[in-house]
């Protein structure tokens, strides 16, 4: 899995990098088909109020997921972003598994059907 972490109006420290990578390990355990994750950490100063924002774009086979979280602390934003991404991944994986099981039961095996003789 390729993880790229960048900062917008903020320099990404080693602690932030480590926190992001540790949180994303949880996502990777739930879904092993991840190709890449791009994380953008930013600091917004709206009207004198500082807001820390963490965004992530996850690319998997045929799917792209986007999440963002804003908090007053960068590490809270990272935690919320990782939790949201994990929920999206689990929901996507559940949908994929449901499609597989429903598709298998849609057409019963026609070869095993018994045919009664016409009277």
PDB file of N, CA and C in Angstrom:
ATOM      1  N   UNK A   1       0.840  -1.172   0.000  1.00  0.00           N
ATOM      2  CA  UNK A   1       0.000   0.000   0.000  1.00  0.00           C
ATOM      3  C   UNK A   1       0.888   1.239   0.000  1.00  0.00           C
ATOM      4  N   UNK A   2       0.589   2.154  -0.898  1.00  0.00           N
ATOM      5  CA  UNK A   2       1.352   3.375  -1.038  1.00  0.00           C
ATOM      6  C   UNK A   2       0.630   4.495  -0.285  1.00  0.00           C
ATOM      7  N   UNK A   3       1.280   5.069   0.747  1.00  0.00           N
ATOM      8  CA  UNK A   3       0.694   6.147   1.527  1.00  0.00           C
ATOM      9  C   UNK A   3       1.528   7.402   1.313  1.00  0.00           C
ATOM     10  N   UNK A   4       0.882   8.471   0.856  1.00  0.00           N
ATOM     11  CA  UNK A   4       1.582   9.748   0.722  1.00  0.00           C
ATOM     12  C   UNK A   4       0.902  10.759   1.642  1.00  0.00           C
ATOM     13  N   UNK A   5       1.725  11.464   2.411  1.00  0.00           N
ATOM     14  CA  UNK A   5       1.221  12.426   3.380  1.00  0.00           C
ATOM     15  C   UNK A   5       1.823  13.783   3.044  1.00  0.00           C
ATOM     16  N   UNK A   6       0.952  14.774   2.894  1.00  0.00           N
ATOM     17  CA  UNK A   6       1.440  16.118   2.592  1.00  0.00           C
ATOM     18  C   UNK A   6       0.722  17.122   3.480  1.00  0.00           C
ATOM     19  N   UNK A   7       1.302  18.316   3.580  1.00  0.00           N
ATOM     20  CA  UNK A   7       0.728  19.359   4.409  1.00  0.00           C
ATOM     21  C   UNK A   7       0.390  20.577   3.581  1.00  0.00           C
ATOM     22  N   UNK A   8      -0.667  21.252   3.965  1.00  0.00           N
ATOM     23  CA  UNK A   8      -1.084  22.487   3.299  1.00  0.00           C
ATOM     24  C   UNK A   8      -1.155  23.560   4.382  1.00  0.00           C
ATOM     25  N   UNK A   9      -0.296  24.565   4.300  1.00  0.00           N
ATOM     26  CA  UNK A   9      -0.147  25.611   5.311  1.00  0.00           C
ATOM     27  C   UNK A   9       0.347  25.057   6.636  1.00  0.00           C
ATOM     28  N   UNK A  10       0.978  23.905   6.596  1.00  0.00           N
ATOM     29  CA  UNK A  10       1.522  23.288   7.805  1.00  0.00           C
ATOM     30  C   UNK A  10       2.636  22.331   7.386  1.00  0.00           C
ATOM     31  N   UNK A  11       3.660  22.237   8.199  1.00  0.00           N
ATOM     32  CA  UNK A  11       4.715  21.261   7.903  1.00  0.00           C
ATOM     33  C   UNK A  11       4.395  19.976   8.660  1.00  0.00           C
ATOM     34  N   UNK A  12       4.490  18.867   7.969  1.00  0.00           N
ATOM     35  CA  UNK A  12       4.157  17.569   8.548  1.00  0.00           C
ATOM     36  C   UNK A  12       5.341  17.098   9.381  1.00  0.00           C
ATOM     37  N   UNK A  13       5.123  16.948  10.675  1.00  0.00           N
ATOM     38  CA  UNK A  13       6.183  16.500  11.572  1.00  0.00           C
ATOM     39  C   UNK A  13       6.270  14.977  11.556  1.00  0.00           C
ATOM     40  N   UNK A  14       7.331  14.469  12.134  1.00  0.00           N
ATOM     41  CA  UNK A  14       7.517  13.017  12.222  1.00  0.00           C
ATOM     42  C   UNK A  14       6.406  12.393  13.064  1.00  0.00           C
ATOM     43  N   UNK A  15       5.970  13.086  14.108  1.00  0.00           N
ATOM     44  CA  UNK A  15       4.895  12.571  14.971  1.00  0.00           C
ATOM     45  C   UNK A  15       3.575  12.488  14.212  1.00  0.00           C
ATOM     46  N   UNK A  16       3.276  13.490  13.394  1.00  0.00           N
ATOM     47  CA  UNK A  16       2.049  13.459  12.594  1.00  0.00           C
ATOM     48  C   UNK A  16       2.109  12.325  11.585  1.00  0.00           C
ATOM     49  N   UNK A  17       3.250  12.174  10.928  1.00  0.00           N
ATOM     50  CA  UNK A  17       3.438  11.100   9.949  1.00  0.00           C
ATOM     51  C   UNK A  17       3.215   9.741  10.600  1.00  0.00           C
ATOM     52  N   UNK A  18       3.808   9.552  11.767  1.00  0.00           N
ATOM     53  CA  UNK A  18       3.669   8.280  12.483  1.00  0.00           C
ATOM     54  C   UNK A  18       2.217   8.048  12.888  1.00  0.00           C
ATOM     55  N   UNK A  19       1.549   9.095  13.385  1.00  0.00           N
ATOM     56  CA  UNK A  19       0.153   8.956  13.810  1.00  0.00           C
ATOM     57  C   UNK A  19      -0.732   8.550  12.636  1.00  0.00           C
ATOM     58  N   UNK A  20      -0.535   9.176  11.484  1.00  0.00           N
ATOM     59  CA  UNK A  20      -1.341   8.849  10.308  1.00  0.00           C
ATOM     60  C   UNK A  20      -1.101   7.403   9.887  1.00  0.00           C
ATOM     61  N   UNK A  21       0.149   7.002   9.796  1.00  0.00           N
ATOM     62  CA  UNK A  21       0.462   5.634   9.353  1.00  0.00           C
ATOM     63  C   UNK A  21      -0.068   4.583  10.318  1.00  0.00           C
ATOM     64  N   UNK A  22       0.011   4.842  11.626  1.00  0.00           N
ATOM     65  CA  UNK A  22      -0.518   3.889  12.607  1.00  0.00           C
ATOM     66  C   UNK A  22      -2.036   3.758  12.487  1.00  0.00           C
ATOM     67  N   UNK A  23      -2.718   4.867  12.305  1.00  0.00           N
ATOM     68  CA  UNK A  23      -4.175   4.830  12.184  1.00  0.00           C
ATOM     69  C   UNK A  23      -4.617   4.144  10.892  1.00  0.00           C
ATOM     70  N   UNK A  24      -3.863   4.312   9.825  1.00  0.00           N
ATOM     71  CA  UNK A  24      -4.245   3.707   8.547  1.00  0.00           C
ATOM     72  C   UNK A  24      -3.962   2.207   8.505  1.00  0.00           C
ATOM     73  N   UNK A  25      -3.126   1.710   9.426  1.00  0.00           N
ATOM     74  CA  UNK A  25      -2.899   0.259   9.502  1.00  0.00           C
ATOM     75  C   UNK A  25      -4.204  -0.469   9.815  1.00  0.00           C
ATOM     76  N   UNK A  26      -5.045   0.153  10.625  1.00  0.00           N
ATOM     77  CA  UNK A  26      -6.343  -0.433  10.974  1.00  0.00           C
ATOM     78  C   UNK A  26      -7.213  -0.587   9.729  1.00  0.00           C
ATOM     79  N   UNK A  27      -7.186   0.422   8.862  1.00  0.00           N
ATOM     80  CA  UNK A  27      -7.958   0.376   7.616  1.00  0.00           C
ATOM     81  C   UNK A  27      -7.433  -0.743   6.725  1.00  0.00           C
ATOM     82  N   UNK A  28      -6.116  -0.871   6.664  1.00  0.00           N
ATOM     83  CA  UNK A  28      -5.506  -1.887   5.807  1.00  0.00           C
ATOM     84  C   UNK A  28      -5.834  -3.297   6.287  1.00  0.00           C
ATOM     85  N   UNK A  29      -5.994  -3.479   7.586  1.00  0.00           N
ATOM     86  CA  UNK A  29      -6.357  -4.810   8.102  1.00  0.00           C
ATOM     87  C   UNK A  29      -7.745  -5.219   7.643  1.00  0.00           C
ATOM     88  N   UNK A  30      -8.648  -4.252   7.500  1.00  0.00           N
ATOM     89  CA  UNK A  30     -10.018  -4.566   7.087  1.00  0.00           C
ATOM     90  C   UNK A  30     -10.175  -4.749   5.585  1.00  0.00           C
ATOM     91  N   UNK A  31      -9.250  -4.193   4.805  1.00  0.00           N
ATOM     92  CA  UNK A  31      -9.403  -4.238   3.350  1.00  0.00           C
ATOM     93  C   UNK A  31      -8.015  -4.315   2.726  1.00  0.00           C
ATOM     94  N   UNK A  32      -7.708  -5.438   2.089  1.00  0.00           N
ATOM     95  CA  UNK A  32      -6.353  -5.648   1.576  1.00  0.00           C
ATOM     96  C   UNK A  32      -6.184  -5.277   0.105  1.00  0.00           C
ATOM     97  N   UNK A  33      -7.221  -4.751  -0.543  1.00  0.00           N
ATOM     98  CA  UNK A  33      -7.128  -4.400  -1.958  1.00  0.00           C
ATOM     99  C   UNK A  33      -6.842  -2.915  -2.174  1.00  0.00           C
ATOM    100  N   UNK A  34      -6.252  -2.256  -1.185  1.00  0.00           N
ATOM    101  CA  UNK A  34      -5.957  -0.824  -1.277  1.00  0.00           C
ATOM    102  C   UNK A  34      -4.724  -0.628  -2.149  1.00  0.00           C
ATOM    103  N   UNK A  35      -4.838   0.256  -3.131  1.00  0.00           N
ATOM    104  CA  UNK A  35      -3.702   0.574  -3.987  1.00  0.00           C
ATOM    105  C   UNK A  35      -2.908   1.735  -3.420  1.00  0.00           C
ATOM    106  N   UNK A  36      -3.591   2.815  -3.035  1.00  0.00           N
ATOM    107  CA  UNK A  36      -2.887   3.971  -2.475  1.00  0.00           C
ATOM    108  C   UNK A  36      -3.821   4.793  -1.611  1.00  0.00           C
ATOM    109  N   UNK A  37      -3.209   5.539  -0.686  1.00  0.00           N
ATOM    110  CA  UNK A  37      -3.943   6.482   0.143  1.00  0.00           C
ATOM    111  C   UNK A  37      -3.160   7.788   0.131  1.00  0.00           C
ATOM    112  N   UNK A  38      -3.848   8.860  -0.195  1.00  0.00           N
ATOM    113  CA  UNK A  38      -3.228  10.185  -0.183  1.00  0.00           C
ATOM    114  C   UNK A  38      -3.854  10.967   0.962  1.00  0.00           C
ATOM    115  N   UNK A  39      -3.012  11.429   1.904  1.00  0.00           N
ATOM    116  CA  UNK A  39      -3.483  12.162   3.068  1.00  0.00           C
ATOM    117  C   UNK A  39      -2.985  13.599   2.972  1.00  0.00           C
ATOM    118  N   UNK A  40      -3.890  14.550   3.201  1.00  0.00           N
ATOM    119  CA  UNK A  40      -3.533  15.970   3.200  1.00  0.00           C
ATOM    120  C   UNK A  40      -3.921  16.546   4.554  1.00  0.00           C
ATOM    121  N   UNK A  41      -2.921  17.028   5.280  1.00  0.00           N
ATOM    122  CA  UNK A  41      -3.133  17.678   6.564  1.00  0.00           C
ATOM    123  C   UNK A  41      -3.042  19.180   6.337  1.00  0.00           C
ATOM    124  N   UNK A  42      -4.030  19.937   6.818  1.00  0.00           N
ATOM    125  CA  UNK A  42      -4.015  21.381   6.570  1.00  0.00           C
ATOM    126  C   UNK A  42      -4.440  22.149   7.812  1.00  0.00           C
ATOM    127  N   UNK A  43      -4.041  23.400   7.814  1.00  0.00           N
ATOM    128  CA  UNK A  43      -4.389  24.317   8.891  1.00  0.00           C
ATOM    129  C   UNK A  43      -5.142  25.482   8.281  1.00  0.00           C
ATOM    130  N   UNK A  44      -6.393  25.649   8.662  1.00  0.00           N
ATOM    131  CA  UNK A  44      -7.209  26.747   8.157  1.00  0.00           C
ATOM    132  C   UNK A  44      -7.357  27.787   9.250  1.00  0.00           C
ATOM    133  N   UNK A  45      -7.234  29.052   8.856  1.00  0.00           N
ATOM    134  CA  UNK A  45      -7.369  30.144   9.805  1.00  0.00           C
ATOM    135  C   UNK A  45      -8.546  31.011   9.370  1.00  0.00           C
ATOM    136  N   UNK A  46      -9.738  30.581   9.721  1.00  0.00           N
ATOM    137  CA  UNK A  46     -10.959  31.285   9.306  1.00  0.00           C
ATOM    138  C   UNK A  46     -11.414  32.222  10.413  1.00  0.00           C
ATOM    139  N   UNK A  47     -11.319  33.520  10.163  1.00  0.00           N
ATOM    140  CA  UNK A  47     -11.796  34.501  11.133  1.00  0.00           C
ATOM    141  C   UNK A  47     -11.077  34.446  12.458  1.00  0.00           C
ATOM    142  N   UNK A  48      -9.798  34.096  12.453  1.00  0.00           N
ATOM    143  CA  UNK A  48      -9.033  34.011  13.691  1.00  0.00           C
ATOM    144  C   UNK A  48      -9.172  32.686  14.415  1.00  0.00           C
ATOM    145  N   UNK A  49     -10.030  31.821  13.936  1.00  0.00           N
ATOM    146  CA  UNK A  49     -10.222  30.511  14.556  1.00  0.00           C
ATOM    147  C   UNK A  49      -9.434  29.488  13.761  1.00  0.00           C
ATOM    148  N   UNK A  50      -8.471  28.846  14.425  1.00  0.00           N
ATOM    149  CA  UNK A  50      -7.662  27.846  13.734  1.00  0.00           C
ATOM    150  C   UNK A  50      -8.389  26.505  13.726  1.00  0.00           C
ATOM    151  N   UNK A  51      -8.440  25.914  12.555  1.00  0.00           N
ATOM    152  CA  UNK A  51      -9.096  24.625  12.385  1.00  0.00           C
ATOM    153  C   UNK A  51      -8.123  23.675  11.698  1.00  0.00           C
ATOM    154  N   UNK A  52      -7.888  22.546  12.307  1.00  0.00           N
ATOM    155  CA  UNK A  52      -7.013  21.529  11.731  1.00  0.00           C
ATOM    156  C   UNK A  52      -7.867  20.558  10.939  1.00  0.00           C
ATOM    157  N   UNK A  53      -7.449  20.276   9.708  1.00  0.00           N
ATOM    158  CA  UNK A  53      -8.237  19.422   8.831  1.00  0.00           C
ATOM    159  C   UNK A  53      -7.372  18.286   8.314  1.00  0.00           C
ATOM    160  N   UNK A  54      -7.926  17.091   8.310  1.00  0.00           N
ATOM    161  CA  UNK A  54      -7.265  15.911   7.757  1.00  0.00           C
ATOM    162  C   UNK A  54      -8.176  15.333   6.689  1.00  0.00           C
ATOM    163  N   UNK A  55      -7.636  15.162   5.482  1.00  0.00           N
ATOM    164  CA  UNK A  55      -8.389  14.600   4.361  1.00  0.00           C
ATOM    165  C   UNK A  55      -7.658  13.377   3.849  1.00  0.00           C
ATOM    166  N   UNK A  56      -8.404  12.423   3.328  1.00  0.00           N
ATOM    167  CA  UNK A  56      -7.795  11.223   2.760  1.00  0.00           C
ATOM    168  C   UNK A  56      -8.555  10.795   1.521  1.00  0.00           C
ATOM    169  N   UNK A  57      -7.789  10.380   0.518  1.00  0.00           N
ATOM    170  CA  UNK A  57      -8.357   9.796  -0.698  1.00  0.00           C
ATOM    171  C   UNK A  57      -7.783   8.391  -0.810  1.00  0.00           C
ATOM    172  N   UNK A  58      -8.658   7.403  -0.748  1.00  0.00           N
ATOM    173  CA  UNK A  58      -8.244   6.001  -0.837  1.00  0.00           C
ATOM    174  C   UNK A  58      -8.615   5.481  -2.212  1.00  0.00           C
ATOM    175  N   UNK A  59      -7.655   4.867  -2.858  1.00  0.00           N
ATOM    176  CA  UNK A  59      -7.912   4.255  -4.166  1.00  0.00           C
ATOM    177  C   UNK A  59      -7.749   2.743  -4.034  1.00  0.00           C
ATOM    178  N   UNK A  60      -8.812   2.049  -4.431  1.00  0.00           N
ATOM    179  CA  UNK A  60      -8.801   0.587  -4.442  1.00  0.00           C
ATOM    180  C   UNK A  60      -9.228   0.158  -5.839  1.00  0.00           C
ATOM    181  N   UNK A  61      -9.282  -1.130  -6.059  1.00  0.00           N
ATOM    182  CA  UNK A  61      -9.634  -1.628  -7.386  1.00  0.00           C
ATOM    183  C   UNK A  61     -11.035  -1.175  -7.772  1.00  0.00           C
ATOM    184  N   UNK A  62     -11.103  -0.226  -8.706  1.00  0.00           N
ATOM    185  CA  UNK A  62     -12.381   0.243  -9.206  1.00  0.00           C
ATOM    186  C   UNK A  62     -13.146   1.156  -8.269  1.00  0.00           C
ATOM    187  N   UNK A  63     -12.517   1.632  -7.217  1.00  0.00           N
ATOM    188  CA  UNK A  63     -13.229   2.442  -6.227  1.00  0.00           C
ATOM    189  C   UNK A  63     -12.319   3.534  -5.694  1.00  0.00           C
ATOM    190  N   UNK A  64     -12.906   4.697  -5.425  1.00  0.00           N
ATOM    191  CA  UNK A  64     -12.178   5.806  -4.814  1.00  0.00           C
ATOM    192  C   UNK A  64     -13.041   6.348  -3.686  1.00  0.00           C
ATOM    193  N   UNK A  65     -12.448   6.503  -2.496  1.00  0.00           N
ATOM    194  CA  UNK A  65     -13.186   6.985  -1.333  1.00  0.00           C
ATOM    195  C   UNK A  65     -12.518   8.238  -0.800  1.00  0.00           C
ATOM    196  N   UNK A  66     -13.329   9.216  -0.387  1.00  0.00           N
ATOM    197  CA  UNK A  66     -12.829  10.470   0.145  1.00  0.00           C
ATOM    198  C   UNK A  66     -13.453  10.729   1.509  1.00  0.00           C
ATOM    199  N   UNK A  67     -12.624  11.114   2.481  1.00  0.00           N
ATOM    200  CA  UNK A  67     -13.126  11.511   3.800  1.00  0.00           C
ATOM    201  C   UNK A  67     -12.356  12.741   4.258  1.00  0.00           C
ATOM    202  N   UNK A  68     -12.999  13.506   5.123  1.00  0.00           N
ATOM    203  CA  UNK A  68     -12.311  14.635   5.739  1.00  0.00           C
ATOM    204  C   UNK A  68     -12.850  14.835   7.138  1.00  0.00           C
ATOM    205  N   UNK A  69     -11.996  15.371   8.014  1.00  0.00           N
ATOM    206  CA  UNK A  69     -12.398  15.655   9.384  1.00  0.00           C
ATOM    207  C   UNK A  69     -11.727  16.939   9.828  1.00  0.00           C
ATOM    208  N   UNK A  70     -12.470  17.795  10.521  1.00  0.00           N
ATOM    209  CA  UNK A  70     -11.945  19.053  11.048  1.00  0.00           C
ATOM    210  C   UNK A  70     -12.114  19.064  12.561  1.00  0.00           C
ATOM    211  N   UNK A  71     -11.059  19.445  13.239  1.00  0.00           N
ATOM    212  CA  UNK A  71     -11.076  19.523  14.701  1.00  0.00           C
ATOM    213  C   UNK A  71     -10.209  20.688  15.141  1.00  0.00           C
ATOM    214  N   UNK A  72     -10.222  20.965  16.439  1.00  0.00           N
ATOM    215  CA  UNK A  72      -9.360  22.011  16.972  1.00  0.00           C
ATOM    216  C   UNK A  72      -7.941  21.500  17.236  1.00  0.00           C
ATOM    217  N   UNK A  73      -7.739  20.186  17.160  1.00  0.00           N
ATOM    218  CA  UNK A  73      -6.431  19.570  17.360  1.00  0.00           C
ATOM    219  C   UNK A  73      -6.143  18.657  16.170  1.00  0.00           C
ATOM    220  N   UNK A  74      -4.905  18.688  15.651  1.00  0.00           N
ATOM    221  CA  UNK A  74      -4.565  17.897  14.466  1.00  0.00           C
ATOM    222  C   UNK A  74      -4.695  16.401  14.728  1.00  0.00           C
ATOM    223  N   UNK A  75      -4.298  15.946  15.903  1.00  0.00           N
ATOM    224  CA  UNK A  75      -4.340  14.512  16.189  1.00  0.00           C
ATOM    225  C   UNK A  75      -5.780  14.016  16.330  1.00  0.00           C
ATOM    226  N   UNK A  76      -6.679  14.860  16.829  1.00  0.00           N
ATOM    227  CA  UNK A  76      -8.111  14.497  16.858  1.00  0.00           C
ATOM    228  C   UNK A  76      -8.641  14.390  15.435  1.00  0.00           C
ATOM    229  N   UNK A  77      -8.218  15.328  14.579  1.00  0.00           N
ATOM    230  CA  UNK A  77      -8.659  15.302  13.180  1.00  0.00           C
ATOM    231  C   UNK A  77      -8.158  14.033  12.483  1.00  0.00           C
ATOM    232  N   UNK A  78      -6.911  13.649  12.750  1.00  0.00           N
ATOM    233  CA  UNK A  78      -6.346  12.430  12.158  1.00  0.00           C
ATOM    234  C   UNK A  78      -7.133  11.211  12.625  1.00  0.00           C
ATOM    235  N   UNK A  79      -7.436  11.150  13.926  1.00  0.00           N
ATOM    236  CA  UNK A  79      -8.204  10.018  14.463  1.00  0.00           C
ATOM    237  C   UNK A  79      -9.590   9.935  13.830  1.00  0.00           C
ATOM    238  N   UNK A  80     -10.282  11.072  13.736  1.00  0.00           N
ATOM    239  CA  UNK A  80     -11.626  11.075  13.142  1.00  0.00           C
ATOM    240  C   UNK A  80     -11.581  10.706  11.662  1.00  0.00           C
ATOM    241  N   UNK A  81     -10.581  11.209  10.955  1.00  0.00           N
ATOM    242  CA  UNK A  81     -10.438  10.891   9.536  1.00  0.00           C
ATOM    243  C   UNK A  81     -10.225   9.384   9.345  1.00  0.00           C
ATOM    244  N   UNK A  82      -9.364   8.796  10.152  1.00  0.00           N
ATOM    245  CA  UNK A  82      -9.094   7.362  10.033  1.00  0.00           C
ATOM    246  C   UNK A  82     -10.337   6.537  10.380  1.00  0.00           C
ATOM    247  N   UNK A  83     -11.087   6.970  11.398  1.00  0.00           N
ATOM    248  CA  UNK A  83     -12.312   6.255  11.773  1.00  0.00           C
ATOM    249  C   UNK A  83     -13.357   6.319  10.657  1.00  0.00           C
ATOM    250  N   UNK A  84     -13.516   7.490  10.052  1.00  0.00           N
ATOM    251  CA  UNK A  84     -14.472   7.634   8.947  1.00  0.00           C
ATOM    252  C   UNK A  84     -14.071   6.767   7.758  1.00  0.00           C
ATOM    253  N   UNK A  85     -12.777   6.750   7.452  1.00  0.00           N
ATOM    254  CA  UNK A  85     -12.301   5.943   6.332  1.00  0.00           C
ATOM    255  C   UNK A  85     -12.513   4.463   6.615  1.00  0.00           C
ATOM    256  N   UNK A  86     -12.264   4.052   7.846  1.00  0.00           N
ATOM    257  CA  UNK A  86     -12.465   2.655   8.220  1.00  0.00           C
ATOM    258  C   UNK A  86     -13.936   2.267   8.079  1.00  0.00           C
ATOM    259  N   UNK A  87     -14.857   3.139   8.487  1.00  0.00           N
ATOM    260  CA  UNK A  87     -16.286   2.852   8.341  1.00  0.00           C
ATOM    261  C   UNK A  87     -16.675   2.726   6.876  1.00  0.00           C
ATOM    262  N   UNK A  88     -16.137   3.619   6.030  1.00  0.00           N
ATOM    263  CA  UNK A  88     -16.450   3.544   4.598  1.00  0.00           C
ATOM    264  C   UNK A  88     -15.936   2.255   3.986  1.00  0.00           C
ATOM    265  N   UNK A  89     -14.716   1.857   4.364  1.00  0.00           N
ATOM    266  CA  UNK A  89     -14.113   0.644   3.810  1.00  0.00           C
ATOM    267  C   UNK A  89     -14.910  -0.582   4.237  1.00  0.00           C
ATOM    268  N   UNK A  90     -15.295  -0.650   5.519  1.00  0.00           N
ATOM    269  CA  UNK A  90     -16.069  -1.798   5.985  1.00  0.00           C
ATOM    270  C   UNK A  90     -17.439  -1.853   5.304  1.00  0.00           C
ATOM    271  N   UNK A  91     -18.057  -0.697   5.097  1.00  0.00           N
ATOM    272  CA  UNK A  91     -19.355  -0.649   4.412  1.00  0.00           C
ATOM    273  C   UNK A  91     -19.214  -1.123   2.968  1.00  0.00           C
ATOM    274  N   UNK A  92     -18.162  -0.670   2.287  1.00  0.00           N
ATOM    275  CA  UNK A  92     -17.914  -1.082   0.905  1.00  0.00           C
ATOM    276  C   UNK A  92     -17.662  -2.588   0.829  1.00  0.00           C
ATOM    277  N   UNK A  93     -16.863  -3.091   1.752  1.00  0.00           N
ATOM    278  CA  UNK A  93     -16.531  -4.520   1.759  1.00  0.00           C
ATOM    279  C   UNK A  93     -17.789  -5.362   2.029  1.00  0.00           C
ATOM    280  N   UNK A  94     -18.638  -4.907   2.924  1.00  0.00           N
ATOM    281  CA  UNK A  94     -19.880  -5.617   3.221  1.00  0.00           C
ATOM    282  C   UNK A  94     -20.777  -5.667   1.989  1.00  0.00           C
ATOM    283  N   UNK A  95     -20.859  -4.527   1.264  1.00  0.00           N
ATOM    284  CA  UNK A  95     -21.667  -4.496   0.041  1.00  0.00           C
ATOM    285  C   UNK A  95     -21.136  -5.465  -0.999  1.00  0.00           C
ATOM    286  N   UNK A  96     -19.813  -5.538  -1.145  1.00  0.00           N
ATOM    287  CA  UNK A  96     -19.210  -6.447  -2.118  1.00  0.00           C
ATOM    288  C   UNK A  96     -19.500  -7.901  -1.757  1.00  0.00           C
ATOM    289  N   UNK A  97     -19.389  -8.230  -0.474  1.00  0.00           N
ATOM    290  CA  UNK A  97     -19.657  -9.607  -0.037  1.00  0.00           C
ATOM    291  C   UNK A  97     -21.129  -9.953  -0.225  1.00  0.00           C
ATOM    292  N   UNK A  98     -22.013  -8.999   0.015  1.00  0.00           N
ATOM    293  CA  UNK A  98     -23.444  -9.229  -0.156  1.00  0.00           C
ATOM    294  C   UNK A  98     -23.779  -9.479  -1.621  1.00  0.00           C
ATOM    295  N   UNK A  99     -23.127  -8.750  -2.513  1.00  0.00           N
ATOM    296  CA  UNK A  99     -23.353  -8.952  -3.945  1.00  0.00           C
ATOM    297  C   UNK A  99     -22.926 -10.349  -4.375  1.00  0.00           C
ATOM    298  N   UNK A 100     -21.812 -10.818  -3.833  1.00  0.00           N
ATOM    299  CA  UNK A 100     -21.327 -12.154  -4.189  1.00  0.00           C
ATOM    300  C   UNK A 100     -22.297 -13.227  -3.740  1.00  0.00           C
ATOM    301  N   UNK A 101     -22.784 -13.123  -2.512  1.00  0.00           N
ATOM    302  CA  UNK A 101     -23.676 -14.167  -2.002  1.00  0.00           C
ATOM    303  C   UNK A 101     -25.042 -14.102  -2.657  1.00  0.00           C
ATOM    304  N   UNK A 102     -25.554 -12.914  -2.962  1.00  0.00           N
ATOM    305  CA  UNK A 102     -26.841 -12.806  -3.635  1.00  0.00           C
ATOM    306  C   UNK A 102     -26.753 -13.278  -5.079  1.00  0.00           C
ATOM    307  N   UNK A 103     -25.636 -13.026  -5.718  1.00  0.00           N
ATOM    308  CA  UNK A 103     -25.461 -13.451  -7.100  1.00  0.00           C
ATOM    309  C   UNK A 103     -25.415 -14.963  -7.218  1.00  0.00           C
ATOM    310  N   UNK A 104     -24.852 -15.645  -6.210  1.00  0.00           N
ATOM    311  CA  UNK A 104     -24.756 -17.099  -6.250  1.00  0.00           C
ATOM    312  C   UNK A 104     -26.120 -17.748  -6.069  1.00  0.00           C
ATOM    313  N   UNK A 105     -27.015 -17.124  -5.295  1.00  0.00           N
ATOM    314  CA  UNK A 105     -28.323 -17.714  -5.041  1.00  0.00           C
ATOM    315  C   UNK A 105     -29.381 -17.310  -6.043  1.00  0.00           C
ATOM    316  N   UNK A 106     -29.042 -16.439  -6.945  1.00  0.00           N
ATOM    317  CA  UNK A 106     -30.034 -15.924  -7.885  1.00  0.00           C
ATOM    318  C   UNK A 106     -30.506 -16.993  -8.871  1.00  0.00           C
ATOM    319  N   UNK A 107     -29.596 -17.764  -9.428  1.00  0.00           N
ATOM    320  CA  UNK A 107     -29.946 -18.804 -10.398  1.00  0.00           C
ATOM    321  C   UNK A 107     -29.599 -20.164  -9.802  1.00  0.00           C
ATOM    322  N   UNK A 108     -30.594 -20.911  -9.367  1.00  0.00           N
ATOM    323  CA  UNK A 108     -30.301 -22.227  -8.790  1.00  0.00           C
ATOM    324  C   UNK A 108     -29.742 -23.165  -9.859  1.00  0.00           C
ATOM    325  N   UNK A 109     -29.063 -24.179  -9.394  1.00  0.00           N
ATOM    326  CA  UNK A 109     -28.460 -25.159 -10.297  1.00  0.00           C
ATOM    327  C   UNK A 109     -29.577 -25.918 -11.017  1.00  0.00           C
ATOM    328  N   UNK A 110     -29.707 -25.682 -12.289  1.00  0.00           N
ATOM    329  CA  UNK A 110     -30.791 -26.287 -13.066  1.00  0.00           C
ATOM    330  C   UNK A 110     -30.567 -27.767 -13.318  1.00  0.00           C
ATOM    331  N   UNK A 111     -29.329 -28.242 -13.239  1.00  0.00           N
ATOM    332  CA  UNK A 111     -29.028 -29.626 -13.515  1.00  0.00           C
ATOM    333  C   UNK A 111     -29.516 -30.565 -12.430  1.00  0.00           C
ATOM    334  N   UNK A 112     -29.714 -30.096 -11.229  1.00  0.00           N
ATOM    335  CA  UNK A 112     -30.105 -30.968 -10.129  1.00  0.00           C
ATOM    336  C   UNK A 112     -31.615 -31.020  -9.940  1.00  0.00           C
ATOM    337  N   UNK A 113     -32.360 -30.280 -10.738  1.00  0.00           N
ATOM    338  CA  UNK A 113     -33.827 -30.284 -10.593  1.00  0.00           C
ATOM    339  C   UNK A 113     -34.410 -31.615 -11.081  1.00  0.00           C
ATOM    340  N   UNK A 114     -35.339 -32.132 -10.301  1.00  0.00           N
ATOM    341  CA  UNK A 114     -35.962 -33.370 -10.703  1.00  0.00           C
ATOM    342  C   UNK A 114     -37.122 -33.075 -11.646  1.00  0.00           C
ATOM    343  N   UNK A 115     -37.231 -33.889 -12.658  1.00  0.00           N
ATOM    344  CA  UNK A 115     -38.306 -33.716 -13.629  1.00  0.00           C
ATOM    345  C   UNK A 115     -39.280 -34.870 -13.433  1.00  0.00           C
ATOM    346  N   UNK A 116     -40.558 -34.518 -13.219  1.00  0.00           N
ATOM    347  CA  UNK A 116     -41.562 -35.577 -13.028  1.00  0.00           C
ATOM    348  C   UNK A 116     -42.137 -35.936 -14.400  1.00  0.00           C
ATOM    349  N   UNK A 117     -42.385 -37.207 -14.640  1.00  0.00           N
ATOM    350  CA  UNK A 117     -42.907 -37.618 -15.943  1.00  0.00           C
ATOM    351  C   UNK A 117     -44.338 -37.105 -16.142  1.00  0.00           C
ATOM    352  N   UNK A 118     -44.631 -36.762 -17.353  1.00  0.00           N
ATOM    353  CA  UNK A 118     -45.974 -36.260 -17.697  1.00  0.00           C
ATOM    354  C   UNK A 118     -46.947 -37.420 -17.718  1.00  0.00           C
ATOM    355  N   UNK A 119     -48.075 -37.232 -17.129  1.00  0.00           N
ATOM    356  CA  UNK A 119     -49.070 -38.311 -17.053  1.00  0.00           C
ATOM    357  C   UNK A 119     -50.196 -38.075 -18.000  1.00  0.00           C
TER     358      UNK A 119
END
